[in-house]
């Protein structure tokens, strides 16, 4: 595995761990908490799969554009998930339990992830073409 895949995996596991720890404070069983963790981390798992598909060793040279876009999409989505789940985890630790604020996590993570993916798509496309322009200018 290359460094990009390791970074994507670490951000995914860190975010999922925070969700699991946050909802472990409730009265739900571990099966419900694991299911909730997988559901809330769905967009991040999807972007991780994109990174694995387009940034894997045999594919990275033939699909540079899709690799750049996948990295940016995952980066923006991972930053949303890590920040939001971190805030929720700190809130639960401070209040010593779950509150009504945790009920909005699904909405924020799913709708926010769509926005983060679109922003990552735009940044990835711009970054890819700007880097190509700079490389062409450097050659001249």
C-alpha atoms as a PDB file:
ATOM      1  CA  UNK A   1       0.000   0.000   0.000  1.00  0.00           C
ATOM      2  CA  UNK A   2       1.229   3.468  -0.798  1.00  0.00           C
ATOM      3  CA  UNK A   3       1.120   6.477   1.531  1.00  0.00           C
ATOM      4  CA  UNK A   4      -2.093   7.804   0.042  1.00  0.00           C
ATOM      5  CA  UNK A   5      -3.952   4.599   0.837  1.00  0.00           C
ATOM      6  CA  UNK A   6      -2.515   4.514   4.353  1.00  0.00           C
ATOM      7  CA  UNK A   7      -3.590   8.108   4.997  1.00  0.00           C
ATOM      8  CA  UNK A   8      -7.080   7.391   3.686  1.00  0.00           C
ATOM      9  CA  UNK A   9      -7.356   4.237   5.810  1.00  0.00           C
ATOM     10  CA  UNK A  10      -6.124   5.970   8.965  1.00  0.00           C
ATOM     11  CA  UNK A  11      -8.584   8.854   8.536  1.00  0.00           C
ATOM     12  CA  UNK A  12     -11.433   6.378   7.960  1.00  0.00           C
ATOM     13  CA  UNK A  13     -10.582   4.269  11.001  1.00  0.00           C
ATOM     14  CA  UNK A  14     -10.033   7.321  13.212  1.00  0.00           C
ATOM     15  CA  UNK A  15     -13.415   8.765  12.269  1.00  0.00           C
ATOM     16  CA  UNK A  16     -15.184   5.434  12.769  1.00  0.00           C
ATOM     17  CA  UNK A  17     -13.508   4.977  16.146  1.00  0.00           C
ATOM     18  CA  UNK A  18     -14.757   8.374  17.298  1.00  0.00           C
ATOM     19  CA  UNK A  19     -18.314   7.530  16.185  1.00  0.00           C
ATOM     20  CA  UNK A  20     -18.146   4.185  17.974  1.00  0.00           C
ATOM     21  CA  UNK A  21     -16.801   5.753  21.176  1.00  0.00           C
ATOM     22  CA  UNK A  22     -19.384   8.547  21.043  1.00  0.00           C
ATOM     23  CA  UNK A  23     -22.378   6.253  20.736  1.00  0.00           C
ATOM     24  CA  UNK A  24     -21.003   3.702  23.201  1.00  0.00           C
ATOM     25  CA  UNK A  25     -22.061   6.142  25.936  1.00  0.00           C
ATOM     26  CA  UNK A  26     -25.708   5.395  25.176  1.00  0.00           C
ATOM     27  CA  UNK A  27     -27.867   2.447  26.155  1.00  0.00           C
ATOM     28  CA  UNK A  28     -27.594   0.767  22.744  1.00  0.00           C
ATOM     29  CA  UNK A  29     -25.996  -2.639  22.372  1.00  0.00           C
ATOM     30  CA  UNK A  30     -22.654  -3.030  20.651  1.00  0.00           C
ATOM     31  CA  UNK A  31     -24.359  -4.418  17.533  1.00  0.00           C
ATOM     32  CA  UNK A  32     -26.493  -1.266  17.260  1.00  0.00           C
ATOM     33  CA  UNK A  33     -23.455   0.941  17.834  1.00  0.00           C
ATOM     34  CA  UNK A  34     -21.464  -0.909  15.151  1.00  0.00           C
ATOM     35  CA  UNK A  35     -24.387  -0.628  12.723  1.00  0.00           C
ATOM     36  CA  UNK A  36     -24.748   3.081  13.497  1.00  0.00           C
ATOM     37  CA  UNK A  37     -21.015   3.570  13.016  1.00  0.00           C
ATOM     38  CA  UNK A  38     -21.143   1.909   9.599  1.00  0.00           C
ATOM     39  CA  UNK A  39     -24.214   3.890   8.536  1.00  0.00           C
ATOM     40  CA  UNK A  40     -22.821   7.249   9.657  1.00  0.00           C
ATOM     41  CA  UNK A  41     -19.466   6.476   8.041  1.00  0.00           C
ATOM     42  CA  UNK A  42     -21.046   5.404   4.739  1.00  0.00           C
ATOM     43  CA  UNK A  43     -19.959   8.451   2.711  1.00  0.00           C
ATOM     44  CA  UNK A  44     -16.435   8.192   4.064  1.00  0.00           C
ATOM     45  CA  UNK A  45     -16.301   4.477   3.261  1.00  0.00           C
ATOM     46  CA  UNK A  46     -17.478   5.306  -0.273  1.00  0.00           C
ATOM     47  CA  UNK A  47     -14.733   7.901  -0.795  1.00  0.00           C
ATOM     48  CA  UNK A  48     -12.161   5.496   0.672  1.00  0.00           C
ATOM     49  CA  UNK A  49     -13.242   2.926  -1.917  1.00  0.00           C
ATOM     50  CA  UNK A  50     -12.709   5.540  -4.644  1.00  0.00           C
ATOM     51  CA  UNK A  51      -9.200   6.199  -3.365  1.00  0.00           C
ATOM     52  CA  UNK A  52      -8.438   2.473  -3.299  1.00  0.00           C
ATOM     53  CA  UNK A  53      -9.769   2.007  -6.834  1.00  0.00           C
ATOM     54  CA  UNK A  54      -8.087   5.009  -8.467  1.00  0.00           C
ATOM     55  CA  UNK A  55      -4.896   5.318  -6.410  1.00  0.00           C
ATOM     56  CA  UNK A  56      -3.898   1.664  -6.286  1.00  0.00           C
ATOM     57  CA  UNK A  57      -0.484   0.736  -7.661  1.00  0.00           C
ATOM     58  CA  UNK A  58      -1.545  -0.653 -11.083  1.00  0.00           C
ATOM     59  CA  UNK A  59      -4.088   2.100 -11.749  1.00  0.00           C
ATOM     60  CA  UNK A  60      -2.301   5.217 -10.508  1.00  0.00           C
ATOM     61  CA  UNK A  61      -0.369   5.905 -13.729  1.00  0.00           C
ATOM     62  CA  UNK A  62      -3.238   5.323 -16.138  1.00  0.00           C
ATOM     63  CA  UNK A  63      -5.897   7.374 -14.297  1.00  0.00           C
ATOM     64  CA  UNK A  64      -4.075  10.359 -12.796  1.00  0.00           C
ATOM     65  CA  UNK A  65      -7.088  12.651 -13.176  1.00  0.00           C
ATOM     66  CA  UNK A  66      -9.438  10.298 -11.346  1.00  0.00           C
ATOM     67  CA  UNK A  67      -6.788   9.667  -8.713  1.00  0.00           C
ATOM     68  CA  UNK A  68      -6.404  13.378  -8.001  1.00  0.00           C
ATOM     69  CA  UNK A  69     -10.166  13.830  -7.826  1.00  0.00           C
ATOM     70  CA  UNK A  70     -10.569  10.789  -5.541  1.00  0.00           C
ATOM     71  CA  UNK A  71      -7.876  12.072  -3.174  1.00  0.00           C
ATOM     72  CA  UNK A  72      -9.473  15.522  -2.962  1.00  0.00           C
ATOM     73  CA  UNK A  73     -12.986  14.121  -2.521  1.00  0.00           C
ATOM     74  CA  UNK A  74     -11.796  11.838   0.269  1.00  0.00           C
ATOM     75  CA  UNK A  75      -9.733  14.591   1.882  1.00  0.00           C
ATOM     76  CA  UNK A  76     -12.655  16.996   2.115  1.00  0.00           C
ATOM     77  CA  UNK A  77     -15.060  14.295   3.290  1.00  0.00           C
ATOM     78  CA  UNK A  78     -12.570  12.962   5.839  1.00  0.00           C
ATOM     79  CA  UNK A  79     -11.960  16.431   7.249  1.00  0.00           C
ATOM     80  CA  UNK A  80     -15.708  16.939   7.720  1.00  0.00           C
ATOM     81  CA  UNK A  81     -16.112  13.555   9.408  1.00  0.00           C
ATOM     82  CA  UNK A  82     -13.067  13.871  11.661  1.00  0.00           C
ATOM     83  CA  UNK A  83     -13.978  17.395  12.774  1.00  0.00           C
ATOM     84  CA  UNK A  84     -17.666  16.693  13.345  1.00  0.00           C
ATOM     85  CA  UNK A  85     -17.101  13.363  15.064  1.00  0.00           C
ATOM     86  CA  UNK A  86     -14.381  14.927  17.191  1.00  0.00           C
ATOM     87  CA  UNK A  87     -16.736  17.701  18.294  1.00  0.00           C
ATOM     88  CA  UNK A  88     -19.449  15.180  19.074  1.00  0.00           C
ATOM     89  CA  UNK A  89     -17.045  12.975  21.040  1.00  0.00           C
ATOM     90  CA  UNK A  90     -15.815  15.927  23.108  1.00  0.00           C
ATOM     91  CA  UNK A  91     -19.432  16.997  23.720  1.00  0.00           C
ATOM     92  CA  UNK A  92     -20.387  13.526  24.942  1.00  0.00           C
ATOM     93  CA  UNK A  93     -17.349  13.356  27.214  1.00  0.00           C
ATOM     94  CA  UNK A  94     -18.118  16.766  28.716  1.00  0.00           C
ATOM     95  CA  UNK A  95     -21.800  15.974  29.277  1.00  0.00           C
ATOM     96  CA  UNK A  96     -21.113  12.373  30.355  1.00  0.00           C
ATOM     97  CA  UNK A  97     -23.776  11.014  28.026  1.00  0.00           C
ATOM     98  CA  UNK A  98     -25.657  11.351  24.784  1.00  0.00           C
ATOM     99  CA  UNK A  99     -27.929  14.314  24.259  1.00  0.00           C
ATOM    100  CA  UNK A 100     -30.366  15.492  21.595  1.00  0.00           C
ATOM    101  CA  UNK A 101     -27.484  17.063  19.632  1.00  0.00           C
ATOM    102  CA  UNK A 102     -26.223  13.658  18.573  1.00  0.00           C
ATOM    103  CA  UNK A 103     -29.475  13.040  16.714  1.00  0.00           C
ATOM    104  CA  UNK A 104     -28.381  15.444  13.979  1.00  0.00           C
ATOM    105  CA  UNK A 105     -25.180  13.560  13.210  1.00  0.00           C
ATOM    106  CA  UNK A 106     -26.706  11.526  10.398  1.00  0.00           C
ATOM    107  CA  UNK A 107     -28.116  14.583   8.677  1.00  0.00           C
ATOM    108  CA  UNK A 108     -24.920  16.580   9.048  1.00  0.00           C
ATOM    109  CA  UNK A 109     -22.615  13.761   8.008  1.00  0.00           C
ATOM    110  CA  UNK A 110     -24.662  12.612   4.995  1.00  0.00           C
ATOM    111  CA  UNK A 111     -25.761  16.004   3.603  1.00  0.00           C
ATOM    112  CA  UNK A 112     -22.479  17.614   4.583  1.00  0.00           C
ATOM    113  CA  UNK A 113     -20.578  14.793   2.910  1.00  0.00           C
ATOM    114  CA  UNK A 114     -22.384  15.420  -0.357  1.00  0.00           C
ATOM    115  CA  UNK A 115     -21.329  19.062  -0.176  1.00  0.00           C
ATOM    116  CA  UNK A 116     -17.782  18.092   0.809  1.00  0.00           C
ATOM    117  CA  UNK A 117     -17.595  15.623  -2.090  1.00  0.00           C
ATOM    118  CA  UNK A 118     -18.738  18.275  -4.561  1.00  0.00           C
ATOM    119  CA  UNK A 119     -16.206  20.753  -3.179  1.00  0.00           C
ATOM    120  CA  UNK A 120     -13.495  18.087  -3.362  1.00  0.00           C
ATOM    121  CA  UNK A 121     -14.507  17.351  -6.953  1.00  0.00           C
ATOM    122  CA  UNK A 122     -14.152  21.004  -7.949  1.00  0.00           C
ATOM    123  CA  UNK A 123     -10.832  21.387  -6.127  1.00  0.00           C
ATOM    124  CA  UNK A 124      -9.549  18.107  -7.580  1.00  0.00           C
ATOM    125  CA  UNK A 125     -10.395  19.108 -11.153  1.00  0.00           C
ATOM    126  CA  UNK A 126      -8.839  22.550 -10.720  1.00  0.00           C
ATOM    127  CA  UNK A 127      -5.760  21.119  -9.005  1.00  0.00           C
ATOM    128  CA  UNK A 128      -5.233  18.518 -11.711  1.00  0.00           C
ATOM    129  CA  UNK A 129      -5.377  21.009 -14.557  1.00  0.00           C
ATOM    130  CA  UNK A 130      -3.351  23.679 -12.737  1.00  0.00           C
ATOM    131  CA  UNK A 131      -0.585  21.155 -12.081  1.00  0.00           C
ATOM    132  CA  UNK A 132      -0.607  20.187 -15.762  1.00  0.00           C
ATOM    133  CA  UNK A 133      -0.299  23.850 -16.773  1.00  0.00           C
ATOM    134  CA  UNK A 134       2.599  24.396 -14.368  1.00  0.00           C
ATOM    135  CA  UNK A 135       4.393  21.276 -15.633  1.00  0.00           C
ATOM    136  CA  UNK A 136       3.997  22.417 -19.242  1.00  0.00           C
ATOM    137  CA  UNK A 137       5.242  25.903 -18.342  1.00  0.00           C
ATOM    138  CA  UNK A 138       8.229  24.445 -16.501  1.00  0.00           C
ATOM    139  CA  UNK A 139       9.228  22.357 -19.528  1.00  0.00           C
ATOM    140  CA  UNK A 140       9.314  25.394 -21.810  1.00  0.00           C
END
